[in-house]
C-alpha atoms as a PDB file:
ATOM      1  CA  MET A   1       6.535  28.679  -5.003  1.00  0.00           C
ATOM      2  CA  ALA A   2       8.365  25.684  -6.368  1.00  0.00           C
ATOM      3  CA  GLY A   3      11.290  24.187  -4.612  1.00  0.00           C
ATOM      4  CA  LYS A   4      13.248  20.964  -4.272  1.00  0.00           C
ATOM      5  CA  ILE A   5      13.686  18.293  -1.709  1.00  0.00           C
ATOM      6  CA  ILE A   6      17.101  16.672  -1.871  1.00  0.00           C
ATOM      7  CA  ILE A   7      18.117  13.464  -0.300  1.00  0.00           C
ATOM      8  CA  GLU A   8      21.770  12.355  -0.782  1.00  0.00           C
ATOM      9  CA  ARG A   9      23.112   8.890  -0.406  1.00  0.00           C
ATOM     10  CA  LEU A  10      20.273   6.904   1.186  1.00  0.00           C
ATOM     11  CA  GLU A  11      22.003   3.572   1.827  1.00  0.00           C
ATOM     12  CA  PHE A  12      20.302   0.164   2.258  1.00  0.00           C
ATOM     13  CA  HIS A  13      20.793  -3.435   1.193  1.00  0.00           C
ATOM     14  CA  GLY A  14      18.739  -4.671  -1.842  1.00  0.00           C
ATOM     15  CA  ARG A  15      18.674  -7.446  -4.427  1.00  0.00           C
ATOM     16  CA  CYS A  16      19.574  -6.324  -7.953  1.00  0.00           C
ATOM     17  CA  GLY A  17      21.803  -8.016 -10.427  1.00  0.00           C
ATOM     18  CA  VAL A  18      21.604  -9.606 -13.873  1.00  0.00           C
ATOM     19  CA  THR A  19      22.550 -13.056 -12.606  1.00  0.00           C
ATOM     20  CA  PRO A  20      20.549 -15.150 -10.094  1.00  0.00           C
ATOM     21  CA  GLU A  21      23.909 -15.480  -8.184  1.00  0.00           C
ATOM     22  CA  GLU A  22      24.171 -11.678  -7.767  1.00  0.00           C
ATOM     23  CA  ARG A  23      20.610 -11.427  -6.709  1.00  0.00           C
ATOM     24  CA  LYS A  24      20.977 -14.159  -4.113  1.00  0.00           C
ATOM     25  CA  GLN A  25      22.389 -12.011  -1.397  1.00  0.00           C
ATOM     26  CA  PRO A  26      21.403  -8.422  -0.652  1.00  0.00           C
ATOM     27  CA  GLN A  27      24.158  -6.047  -1.665  1.00  0.00           C
ATOM     28  CA  PRO A  28      24.724  -2.278  -0.589  1.00  0.00           C
ATOM     29  CA  LEU A  29      22.769   0.202  -2.721  1.00  0.00           C
ATOM     30  CA  ALA A  30      22.461   4.025  -2.572  1.00  0.00           C
ATOM     31  CA  VAL A  31      19.819   6.226  -3.762  1.00  0.00           C
ATOM     32  CA  ASP A  32      20.023  10.034  -4.365  1.00  0.00           C
ATOM     33  CA  LEU A  33      16.843  12.035  -4.948  1.00  0.00           C
ATOM     34  CA  GLU A  34      16.061  15.530  -6.238  1.00  0.00           C
ATOM     35  CA  LEU A  35      12.269  16.121  -6.143  1.00  0.00           C
ATOM     36  CA  GLU A  36      10.548  19.230  -7.323  1.00  0.00           C
ATOM     37  CA  CYS A  37       7.442  20.314  -5.395  1.00  0.00           C
ATOM     38  CA  GLN A  38       5.433  23.249  -4.221  1.00  0.00           C
ATOM     39  CA  THR A  39       7.097  24.454  -0.982  1.00  0.00           C
ATOM     40  CA  GLU A  40       5.184  27.769  -0.283  1.00  0.00           C
ATOM     41  CA  PRO A  41       2.454  26.274   1.953  1.00  0.00           C
ATOM     42  CA  ALA A  42       5.034  24.800   4.345  1.00  0.00           C
ATOM     43  CA  ALA A  43       7.384  27.851   4.200  1.00  0.00           C
ATOM     44  CA  ILE A  44       4.607  30.190   5.140  1.00  0.00           C
ATOM     45  CA  SER A  45       3.045  28.041   7.835  1.00  0.00           C
ATOM     46  CA  ASP A  46       6.212  26.359   9.252  1.00  0.00           C
ATOM     47  CA  ASP A  47       3.952  23.309   9.618  1.00  0.00           C
ATOM     48  CA  ILE A  48       5.331  19.726   8.812  1.00  0.00           C
ATOM     49  CA  HIS A  49       1.767  18.733   8.029  1.00  0.00           C
ATOM     50  CA  ARG A  50       1.759  21.115   5.052  1.00  0.00           C
ATOM     51  CA  ALA A  51       5.234  19.894   3.864  1.00  0.00           C
ATOM     52  CA  ILE A  52       6.514  16.864   2.025  1.00  0.00           C
ATOM     53  CA  ASP A  53       8.190  15.006   4.846  1.00  0.00           C
ATOM     54  CA  TYR A  54      11.669  13.877   3.666  1.00  0.00           C
ATOM     55  CA  ALA A  55      11.764  11.411   6.516  1.00  0.00           C
ATOM     56  CA  GLN A  56       8.702   9.702   5.126  1.00  0.00           C
ATOM     57  CA  ILE A  57      10.118   9.637   1.674  1.00  0.00           C
ATOM     58  CA  ALA A  58      13.299   7.990   3.018  1.00  0.00           C
ATOM     59  CA  ASP A  59      11.205   5.425   4.845  1.00  0.00           C
ATOM     60  CA  ARG A  60       9.050   4.508   1.756  1.00  0.00           C
ATOM     61  CA  VAL A  61      12.314   4.279  -0.408  1.00  0.00           C
ATOM     62  CA  LEU A  62      13.743   1.817   2.044  1.00  0.00           C
ATOM     63  CA  ALA A  63      10.458  -0.136   2.345  1.00  0.00           C
ATOM     64  CA  VAL A  64      10.215  -0.539  -1.513  1.00  0.00           C
ATOM     65  CA  GLY A  65      13.892  -1.175  -1.926  1.00  0.00           C
ATOM     66  CA  ALA A  66      13.672  -4.089   0.502  1.00  0.00           C
ATOM     67  CA  THR A  67      10.876  -5.756  -1.494  1.00  0.00           C
ATOM     68  CA  GLN A  68      12.400  -5.522  -4.989  1.00  0.00           C
ATOM     69  CA  ASN A  69      14.239  -8.366  -6.830  1.00  0.00           C
ATOM     70  CA  CYS A  70      15.317  -6.999 -10.151  1.00  0.00           C
ATOM     71  CA  ALA A  71      17.854  -7.777 -12.787  1.00  0.00           C
ATOM     72  CA  LEU A  72      18.383  -4.027 -13.810  1.00  0.00           C
ATOM     73  CA  LEU A  73      19.002  -0.870 -11.841  1.00  0.00           C
ATOM     74  CA  GLU A  74      16.823   0.817 -14.486  1.00  0.00           C
ATOM     75  CA  THR A  75      13.944  -1.472 -13.338  1.00  0.00           C
ATOM     76  CA  PHE A  76      14.809  -0.729  -9.728  1.00  0.00           C
ATOM     77  CA  ALA A  77      14.568   2.971 -10.309  1.00  0.00           C
ATOM     78  CA  GLU A  78      11.380   2.671 -12.222  1.00  0.00           C
ATOM     79  CA  HIS A  79       9.718   1.057  -9.304  1.00  0.00           C
ATOM     80  CA  LEU A  80      10.832   3.851  -7.062  1.00  0.00           C
ATOM     81  CA  LEU A  81       9.608   6.520  -9.286  1.00  0.00           C
ATOM     82  CA  THR A  82       6.200   4.877  -9.502  1.00  0.00           C
ATOM     83  CA  MET A  83       5.985   4.876  -5.697  1.00  0.00           C
ATOM     84  CA  LEU A  84       7.017   8.544  -5.523  1.00  0.00           C
ATOM     85  CA  PHE A  85       4.604   9.868  -8.073  1.00  0.00           C
ATOM     86  CA  SER A  86       1.861   7.662  -6.519  1.00  0.00           C
ATOM     87  CA  GLU A  87       2.210   8.641  -2.832  1.00  0.00           C
ATOM     88  CA  PHE A  88       3.796  12.211  -2.801  1.00  0.00           C
ATOM     89  CA  PRO A  89       2.566  15.470  -4.559  1.00  0.00           C
ATOM     90  CA  ILE A  90       5.867  15.981  -6.435  1.00  0.00           C
ATOM     91  CA  GLU A  91       5.988  17.251  -9.911  1.00  0.00           C
ATOM     92  CA  LYS A  92       9.411  16.140 -11.220  1.00  0.00           C
ATOM     93  CA  ALA A  93      11.947  13.635  -9.938  1.00  0.00           C
ATOM     94  CA  LYS A  94      15.608  13.011 -10.530  1.00  0.00           C
ATOM     95  CA  ILE A  95      16.772   9.722  -9.126  1.00  0.00           C
ATOM     96  CA  LEU A  96      20.245   8.086  -8.973  1.00  0.00           C
ATOM     97  CA  VAL A  97      20.495   4.540  -7.952  1.00  0.00           C
ATOM     98  CA  ARG A  98      23.910   2.956  -7.431  1.00  0.00           C
ATOM     99  CA  LYS A  99      25.634  -0.285  -6.519  1.00  0.00           C
ATOM    100  CA  LEU A 100      28.253   0.654  -3.946  1.00  0.00           C
ATOM    101  CA  ALA A 101      30.150  -2.662  -4.331  1.00  0.00           C
ATOM    102  CA  PRO A 102      29.491  -3.935  -7.863  1.00  0.00           C
ATOM    103  CA  PRO A 103      31.018  -7.189  -8.826  1.00  0.00           C
ATOM    104  CA  LEU A 104      33.303  -5.699 -11.408  1.00  0.00           C
ATOM    105  CA  LYS A 105      37.061  -6.208 -11.045  1.00  0.00           C
ATOM    106  CA  HIS A 106      38.447  -2.859 -12.099  1.00  0.00           C
ATOM    107  CA  VAL A 107      35.550  -0.644 -10.613  1.00  0.00           C
ATOM    108  CA  THR A 108      36.791   0.795  -7.387  1.00  0.00           C
ATOM    109  CA  ASN A 109      33.809   3.052  -6.630  1.00  0.00           C
ATOM    110  CA  SER A 110      30.193   2.631  -7.600  1.00  0.00           C
ATOM    111  CA  VAL A 111      28.028   2.047 -10.865  1.00  0.00           C
ATOM    112  CA  GLY A 112      24.601   3.317 -11.237  1.00  0.00           C
ATOM    113  CA  VAL A 113      21.786   4.771 -13.394  1.00  0.00           C
ATOM    114  CA  GLN A 114      20.179   8.086 -13.337  1.00  0.00           C
ATOM    115  CA  LEU A 115      16.585   8.761 -14.542  1.00  0.00           C
ATOM    116  CA  GLU A 116      14.738  12.026 -14.654  1.00  0.00           C
ATOM    117  CA  ARG A 117      10.910  12.202 -15.104  1.00  0.00           C
ATOM    118  CA  SER A 118       7.990  14.514 -14.837  1.00  0.00           C
ATOM    119  CA  ARG A 119       4.764  13.436 -13.237  1.00  0.00           C
ATOM    120  CA  LEU A 120       2.811  13.825 -16.467  1.00  0.00           C
ATOM    121  CA  LEU A 121       5.313  11.879 -18.511  1.00  0.00           C
ATOM    122  CA  HIS A 122       5.526   9.040 -15.868  1.00  0.00           C
ATOM    123  CA  HIS A 123       1.661   8.630 -15.825  1.00  0.00           C
ATOM    124  CA  ILE A 124       1.628   8.570 -19.677  1.00  0.00           C
ATOM    125  CA  GLN A 125       4.281   5.619 -19.463  1.00  0.00           C
ATOM    126  CA  ASP A 126       2.700   3.973 -16.515  1.00  0.00           C
ATOM    127  CA  PRO A 127      -1.098   4.409 -16.515  1.00  0.00           C
ATOM    128  CA  GLY A 128      -1.945   1.716 -14.085  1.00  0.00           C
ATOM    129  CA  PRO A 129      -4.005   2.245 -11.055  1.00  0.00           C
ATOM    130  CA  THR A 130      -2.121   3.306  -7.839  1.00  0.00           C
ATOM    131  CA  PRO A 131      -2.709   1.581  -4.521  1.00  0.00           C
ATOM    132  CA  ALA A 132      -4.048   3.384  -1.391  1.00  0.00           C
ATOM    133  CA  ARG A 133      -1.400   5.425   0.242  1.00  0.00           C
ATOM    134  CA  PHE A 134      -2.255   3.908   3.675  1.00  0.00           C
ATOM    135  CA  LEU A 135      -1.542   0.373   2.147  1.00  0.00           C
ATOM    136  CA  THR A 136       1.792   1.316   0.908  1.00  0.00           C
ATOM    137  CA  GLN A 137       2.705   2.983   4.195  1.00  0.00           C
ATOM    138  CA  GLN A 138       1.830  -0.010   6.119  1.00  0.00           C
ATOM    139  CA  LEU A 139       3.125  -2.772   3.686  1.00  0.00           C
ATOM    140  CA  HIS A 140       6.000  -3.531   6.179  1.00  0.00           C
ATOM    141  CA  ARG A 141       3.458  -4.717   8.867  1.00  0.00           C
ATOM    142  CA  LEU A 142       1.755  -7.275   6.483  1.00  0.00           C
ATOM    143  CA  PRO A 143       2.817 -10.992   6.963  1.00  0.00           C
ATOM    144  CA  LYS A 144       3.591 -12.546   3.592  1.00  0.00           C
ATOM    145  CA  GLY A 145       1.079 -15.037   2.452  1.00  0.00           C
ATOM    146  CA  LYS A 146      -2.558 -15.231   1.458  1.00  0.00           C
ATOM    147  CA  ALA A 147      -4.449 -11.952   1.336  1.00  0.00           C
ATOM    148  CA  LEU A 148      -8.165 -11.002   0.827  1.00  0.00           C
ATOM    149  CA  ASP A 149      -9.370  -7.637  -0.654  1.00  0.00           C
ATOM    150  CA  VAL A 150     -12.829  -7.115   0.417  1.00  0.00           C
ATOM    151  CA  ALA A 151     -15.092  -4.939  -1.781  1.00  0.00           C
ATOM    152  CA  ALA A 152     -12.152  -4.754  -4.134  1.00  0.00           C
ATOM    153  CA  GLY A 153     -13.573  -2.289  -6.752  1.00  0.00           C
ATOM    154  CA  SER A 154     -11.245  -1.610  -9.787  1.00  0.00           C
ATOM    155  CA  GLY A 155      -8.535  -3.831  -7.803  1.00  0.00           C
ATOM    156  CA  ARG A 156      -5.820  -1.178  -7.447  1.00  0.00           C
ATOM    157  CA  ASN A 157      -5.052  -2.586  -3.965  1.00  0.00           C
ATOM    158  CA  ALA A 158      -5.354  -6.295  -5.027  1.00  0.00           C
ATOM    159  CA  LEU A 159      -2.969  -5.706  -8.038  1.00  0.00           C
ATOM    160  CA  TYR A 160      -0.411  -3.968  -5.761  1.00  0.00           C
ATOM    161  CA  LEU A 161      -0.365  -6.804  -3.204  1.00  0.00           C
ATOM    162  CA  ALA A 162      -0.210  -9.485  -5.903  1.00  0.00           C
ATOM    163  CA  ALA A 163       2.767  -7.571  -7.421  1.00  0.00           C
ATOM    164  CA  GLN A 164       4.442  -7.711  -3.938  1.00  0.00           C
ATOM    165  CA  GLY A 165       4.199 -11.441  -3.992  1.00  0.00           C
ATOM    166  CA  PHE A 166       0.991 -11.949  -2.030  1.00  0.00           C
ATOM    167  CA  HIS A 167      -1.639 -14.693  -3.152  1.00  0.00           C
ATOM    168  CA  VAL A 168      -4.689 -12.431  -3.392  1.00  0.00           C
ATOM    169  CA  ASP A 169      -8.425 -13.086  -3.395  1.00  0.00           C
ATOM    170  CA  ALA A 170     -10.250 -10.087  -4.493  1.00  0.00           C
ATOM    171  CA  ILE A 171     -14.082 -10.120  -4.006  1.00  0.00           C
ATOM    172  CA  ASP A 172     -16.797  -7.568  -5.097  1.00  0.00           C
ATOM    173  CA  ARG A 173     -20.406  -7.709  -6.134  1.00  0.00           C
ATOM    174  CA  ASP A 174     -19.797  -5.906  -9.563  1.00  0.00           C
ATOM    175  CA  GLU A 175     -19.398  -8.824 -12.079  1.00  0.00           C
ATOM    176  CA  GLU A 176     -18.156  -6.538 -14.777  1.00  0.00           C
ATOM    177  CA  THR A 177     -15.444  -4.993 -12.570  1.00  0.00           C
ATOM    178  CA  MET A 178     -14.218  -8.474 -11.457  1.00  0.00           C
ATOM    179  CA  THR A 179     -13.929  -9.633 -14.978  1.00  0.00           C
ATOM    180  CA  LYS A 180     -11.953  -6.563 -15.802  1.00  0.00           C
ATOM    181  CA  LEU A 181      -9.658  -7.150 -12.797  1.00  0.00           C
ATOM    182  CA  ALA A 182      -9.083 -10.786 -13.859  1.00  0.00           C
ATOM    183  CA  ALA A 183      -8.058  -9.583 -17.298  1.00  0.00           C
ATOM    184  CA  THR A 184      -5.823  -6.920 -15.927  1.00  0.00           C
ATOM    185  CA  ALA A 185      -4.094  -9.409 -13.664  1.00  0.00           C
ATOM    186  CA  LYS A 186      -3.486 -11.798 -16.599  1.00  0.00           C
ATOM    187  CA  GLN A 187      -2.190  -8.967 -18.764  1.00  0.00           C
ATOM    188  CA  HIS A 188       0.322  -7.993 -15.958  1.00  0.00           C
ATOM    189  CA  ASN A 189       1.338 -11.834 -15.568  1.00  0.00           C
ATOM    190  CA  LEU A 190      -0.177 -12.058 -12.039  1.00  0.00           C
ATOM    191  CA  PRO A 191      -1.529 -15.596 -11.739  1.00  0.00           C
ATOM    192  CA  ASN A 192      -1.530 -15.214  -7.907  1.00  0.00           C
ATOM    193  CA  LEU A 193      -4.562 -12.946  -8.036  1.00  0.00           C
ATOM    194  CA  THR A 194      -8.087 -14.428  -8.167  1.00  0.00           C
ATOM    195  CA  ALA A 195     -11.134 -12.088  -8.781  1.00  0.00           C
ATOM    196  CA  ARG A 196     -14.512 -13.343  -7.618  1.00  0.00           C
ATOM    197  CA  THR A 197     -18.140 -11.900  -7.815  1.00  0.00           C
ATOM    198  CA  ILE A 198     -19.783 -11.986  -4.464  1.00  0.00           C
ATOM    199  CA  ASP A 199     -22.645 -10.143  -3.023  1.00  0.00           C
ATOM    200  CA  LEU A 200     -21.392  -9.174   0.431  1.00  0.00           C
ATOM    201  CA  GLU A 201     -24.673  -7.712   1.575  1.00  0.00           C
ATOM    202  CA  ARG A 202     -27.062 -10.617   0.781  1.00  0.00           C
ATOM    203  CA  ALA A 203     -29.394 -11.826   3.473  1.00  0.00           C
ATOM    204  CA  THR A 204     -27.766 -14.983   4.800  1.00  0.00           C
ATOM    205  CA  ASP A 205     -25.864 -16.300   7.751  1.00  0.00           C
ATOM    206  CA  GLU A 206     -23.641 -18.369   5.659  1.00  0.00           C
ATOM    207  CA  ARG A 207     -20.258 -16.751   4.790  1.00  0.00           C
ATOM    208  CA  PRO A 208     -18.287 -19.192   2.713  1.00  0.00           C
ATOM    209  CA  GLU A 209     -16.150 -16.236   1.248  1.00  0.00           C
ATOM    210  CA  PHE A 210     -14.693 -15.954   4.850  1.00  0.00           C
ATOM    211  CA  PRO A 211     -13.316 -19.365   5.734  1.00  0.00           C
ATOM    212  CA  GLN A 212     -12.064 -19.620   9.235  1.00  0.00           C
ATOM    213  CA  HIS A 213      -8.343 -18.817   9.948  1.00  0.00           C
ATOM    214  CA  GLU A 214      -7.742 -18.644   5.933  1.00  0.00           C
ATOM    215  CA  TYR A 215      -6.002 -15.279   5.530  1.00  0.00           C
ATOM    216  CA  ASP A 216      -2.712 -13.824   6.568  1.00  0.00           C
ATOM    217  CA  VAL A 217      -3.922 -10.328   5.551  1.00  0.00           C
ATOM    218  CA  ILE A 218      -7.343  -8.883   4.955  1.00  0.00           C
ATOM    219  CA  ILE A 219      -7.760  -5.327   3.553  1.00  0.00           C
ATOM    220  CA  VAL A 220     -10.790  -3.167   3.378  1.00  0.00           C
ATOM    221  CA  PHE A 221     -10.814   0.240   1.753  1.00  0.00           C
ATOM    222  CA  PHE A 222     -13.877   2.600   1.645  1.00  0.00           C
ATOM    223  CA  TYR A 223     -16.470   0.033   2.335  1.00  0.00           C
ATOM    224  CA  LEU A 224     -18.520  -0.402   5.328  1.00  0.00           C
ATOM    225  CA  HIS A 225     -21.060  -3.245   6.193  1.00  0.00           C
ATOM    226  CA  ARG A 226     -20.946  -3.533   9.928  1.00  0.00           C
ATOM    227  CA  ALA A 227     -22.476  -7.093   9.906  1.00  0.00           C
ATOM    228  CA  LEU A 228     -19.308  -8.360   8.228  1.00  0.00           C
ATOM    229  CA  PHE A 229     -16.846  -7.772  11.022  1.00  0.00           C
ATOM    230  CA  PRO A 230     -17.160 -10.951  13.000  1.00  0.00           C
ATOM    231  CA  ALA A 231     -16.582 -12.992   9.800  1.00  0.00           C
ATOM    232  CA  LEU A 232     -13.718 -10.827   8.845  1.00  0.00           C
ATOM    233  CA  ILE A 233     -11.953 -11.354  12.230  1.00  0.00           C
ATOM    234  CA  GLU A 234     -12.667 -15.182  12.112  1.00  0.00           C
ATOM    235  CA  SER A 235     -11.007 -15.438   8.671  1.00  0.00           C
ATOM    236  CA  LEU A 236      -7.733 -14.125   9.827  1.00  0.00           C
ATOM    237  CA  LYS A 237      -5.013 -16.611  10.524  1.00  0.00           C
ATOM    238  CA  PRO A 238      -3.357 -16.467  14.009  1.00  0.00           C
ATOM    239  CA  ASN A 239      -1.188 -13.406  13.904  1.00  0.00           C
ATOM    240  CA  GLY A 240      -3.026 -12.307  10.662  1.00  0.00           C
ATOM    241  CA  VAL A 241      -3.491  -8.515  10.032  1.00  0.00           C
ATOM    242  CA  LEU A 242      -6.480  -6.564   9.175  1.00  0.00           C
ATOM    243  CA  LEU A 243      -5.873  -3.324   7.261  1.00  0.00           C
ATOM    244  CA  TYR A 244      -8.876  -1.001   7.250  1.00  0.00           C
ATOM    245  CA  GLU A 245      -9.575   2.570   6.000  1.00  0.00           C
ATOM    246  CA  THR A 246     -12.869   4.310   5.334  1.00  0.00           C
ATOM    247  CA  PHE A 247     -14.719   7.499   5.913  1.00  0.00           C
ATOM    248  CA  LEU A 248     -15.416   9.140   9.201  1.00  0.00           C
ATOM    249  CA  ILE A 249     -18.513  11.009   9.990  1.00  0.00           C
ATOM    250  CA  ASP A 250     -16.618  14.245   9.687  1.00  0.00           C
ATOM    251  CA  ASN A 251     -16.311  13.736   5.920  1.00  0.00           C
ATOM    252  CA  TYR A 252     -20.040  13.528   5.638  1.00  0.00           C
ATOM    253  CA  LEU A 253     -20.532  16.553   7.678  1.00  0.00           C
ATOM    254  CA  ARG A 254     -17.696  18.756   6.074  1.00  0.00           C
ATOM    255  CA  ARG A 255     -17.543  17.319   2.468  1.00  0.00           C
ATOM    256  CA  HIS A 256     -21.073  15.848   2.049  1.00  0.00           C
ATOM    257  CA  HIS A 257     -19.624  12.500   0.868  1.00  0.00           C
ATOM    258  CA  PRO A 258     -20.505   9.810   0.939  1.00  0.00           C
ATOM    259  CA  ARG A 259     -24.238  10.433   0.239  1.00  0.00           C
ATOM    260  CA  ARG A 260     -25.512   8.848   3.387  1.00  0.00           C
ATOM    261  CA  TRP A 261     -24.081   9.172   6.879  1.00  0.00           C
ATOM    262  CA  GLU A 262     -24.702   5.412   7.549  1.00  0.00           C
ATOM    263  CA  PHE A 263     -21.716   4.756   5.256  1.00  0.00           C
ATOM    264  CA  CYS A 264     -19.327   6.571   7.667  1.00  0.00           C
ATOM    265  CA  LEU A 265     -17.824   5.452  10.948  1.00  0.00           C
ATOM    266  CA  ALA A 266     -18.432   7.310  14.178  1.00  0.00           C
ATOM    267  CA  HIS A 267     -15.412   8.328  16.202  1.00  0.00           C
ATOM    268  CA  ASN A 268     -13.639   5.162  17.696  1.00  0.00           C
ATOM    269  CA  GLU A 269     -16.230   2.962  16.091  1.00  0.00           C
ATOM    270  CA  LEU A 270     -13.711   1.048  14.125  1.00  0.00           C
ATOM    271  CA  LEU A 271     -11.928   0.332  17.375  1.00  0.00           C
ATOM    272  CA  ARG A 272     -15.055  -1.075  18.956  1.00  0.00           C
ATOM    273  CA  LEU A 273     -15.911  -3.259  15.859  1.00  0.00           C
ATOM    274  CA  THR A 274     -12.450  -4.914  16.064  1.00  0.00           C
ATOM    275  CA  SER A 275     -12.031  -5.018  19.860  1.00  0.00           C
ATOM    276  CA  THR A 276     -10.918  -8.706  19.912  1.00  0.00           C
ATOM    277  CA  LEU A 277      -7.828  -7.750  17.806  1.00  0.00           C
ATOM    278  CA  ARG A 278      -4.461  -6.241  18.958  1.00  0.00           C
ATOM    279  CA  VAL A 279      -4.300  -2.725  17.577  1.00  0.00           C
ATOM    280  CA  LEU A 280      -0.916  -2.041  15.902  1.00  0.00           C
ATOM    281  CA  SER A 281      -1.739   1.391  14.443  1.00  0.00           C
ATOM    282  CA  TYR A 282      -4.845   3.655  14.598  1.00  0.00           C
ATOM    283  CA  ASP A 283      -5.521   7.108  13.439  1.00  0.00           C
ATOM    284  CA  GLU A 284      -8.597   9.390  12.909  1.00  0.00           C
ATOM    285  CA  GLY A 285      -8.375  12.524  10.891  1.00  0.00           C
ATOM    286  CA  GLU A 286      -7.726  14.163   7.633  1.00  0.00           C
ATOM    287  CA  HIS A 287      -5.445  12.116   5.335  1.00  0.00           C
ATOM    288  CA  ASN A 288      -4.017  12.845   1.877  1.00  0.00           C
ATOM    289  CA  GLY A 289      -3.951  10.276  -0.847  1.00  0.00           C
ATOM    290  CA  SER A 290      -6.752   8.229   0.675  1.00  0.00           C
ATOM    291  CA  HIS A 291      -9.551   8.541  -1.730  1.00  0.00           C
ATOM    292  CA  GLY A 292      -9.028  10.392  -5.067  1.00  0.00           C
ATOM    293  CA  PRO A 293      -7.302  13.840  -5.205  1.00  0.00           C
ATOM    294  CA  GLY A 294      -7.076  15.940  -2.265  1.00  0.00           C
ATOM    295  CA  SER A 295      -7.748  14.916   1.378  1.00  0.00           C
ATOM    296  CA  ALA A 296     -10.474  13.022   3.244  1.00  0.00           C
ATOM    297  CA  PHE A 297     -11.405  12.361   6.823  1.00  0.00           C
ATOM    298  CA  THR A 298     -10.990   8.729   7.430  1.00  0.00           C
ATOM    299  CA  ALA A 299     -10.234   6.116  10.090  1.00  0.00           C
ATOM    300  CA  GLN A 300      -7.081   4.065   9.592  1.00  0.00           C
ATOM    301  CA  LEU A 301      -6.545   0.832  11.346  1.00  0.00           C
ATOM    302  CA  VAL A 302      -4.009  -1.846  11.487  1.00  0.00           C
ATOM    303  CA  ALA A 303      -4.960  -4.673  13.923  1.00  0.00           C
ATOM    304  CA  GLN A 304      -3.591  -8.203  14.373  1.00  0.00           C
ATOM    305  CA  GLN A 305      -5.198 -11.535  15.237  1.00  0.00           C
ATOM    306  CA  ALA A 306      -4.189 -13.359  18.418  1.00  0.00           C
ATOM    307  CA  GLY A 307      -1.326 -15.928  18.240  1.00  0.00           C
ATOM    308  CA  PRO A 308      -2.117 -19.706  18.128  1.00  0.00           C
ATOM    309  CA  SER A 309      -1.554 -20.134  21.930  1.00  0.00           C
ATOM    310  CA  ARG A 310      -4.165 -17.569  22.883  1.00  0.00           C
ATOM    311  CA  LEU A 311      -6.614 -18.784  20.203  1.00  0.00           C
ATOM    312  CA  LEU A 312      -6.278 -22.333  21.645  1.00  0.00           C
ATOM    313  CA  HIS A 313      -6.799 -21.112  25.016  1.00  0.00           C
ATOM    314  CA  GLU A 314      -9.958 -19.283  24.116  1.00  0.00           C
ATOM    315  CA  ALA A 315     -11.295 -22.337  22.348  1.00  0.00           C
ATOM    316  CA  THR A 316     -10.940 -24.391  25.487  1.00  0.00           C
END
């Protein structure tokens, strides 16, 4: 059963304007959404976990809106559409983005643009890789600065962080993949992304790829090499944040993936491996949008390195 989610006049402050002067200060904006989706599972079960949560959509629009700096409302709206189709199972979207106080002498109300797009058409126009949903959900927790994507693979998360203004080091042992990622970053005009080929599981005690107190953010998605955790933690700057998601043993038992159980976390194991960090968010369970289509059983962690005063105390 198809239905619609409607959000009217979601207001926030954002930077959008043709001139640098207009973009210098955030101005009041409003977004209206009309999203077509399947509503039958939620209607029958009366279960919020089987519905598209409009509160979550609103939070994500606000988070994306706060990070944009666009000349045109059309560009602003396209960024929002990309997020909506990437993170939520909607089939069609109509979006109206308005300036509530436009710098036009004779306009007494608002000005705006309206776009209407199907999922299929949007993917044809924007075929780029989509970031992990957990990363986009937790973006607001990540301190801006230097980021490391460990076992980056195709680089979907590294590209996303680079587009958000982070200086990103992406590392993976697949040389061909890293070469392609570097080319993609150049194509998208992202000089702040560096791709390096590194064998993370080589037999050595030396870990120059993890300099001490180097990174504001370290992300790891669907890669588990337990021996790396001390180096990962040491490479975080004071107050730096580790974002980690990978398979739980439940996924191996229920979905027969990945192919070996050793590649999965036991319950609460991720908390034990990062016990020196302060936990900001932790969840174990079935998560949508984590690894390919459908859901997967994963552990999701956001944890923070101690501040400079505590690190100094521990060192002495």
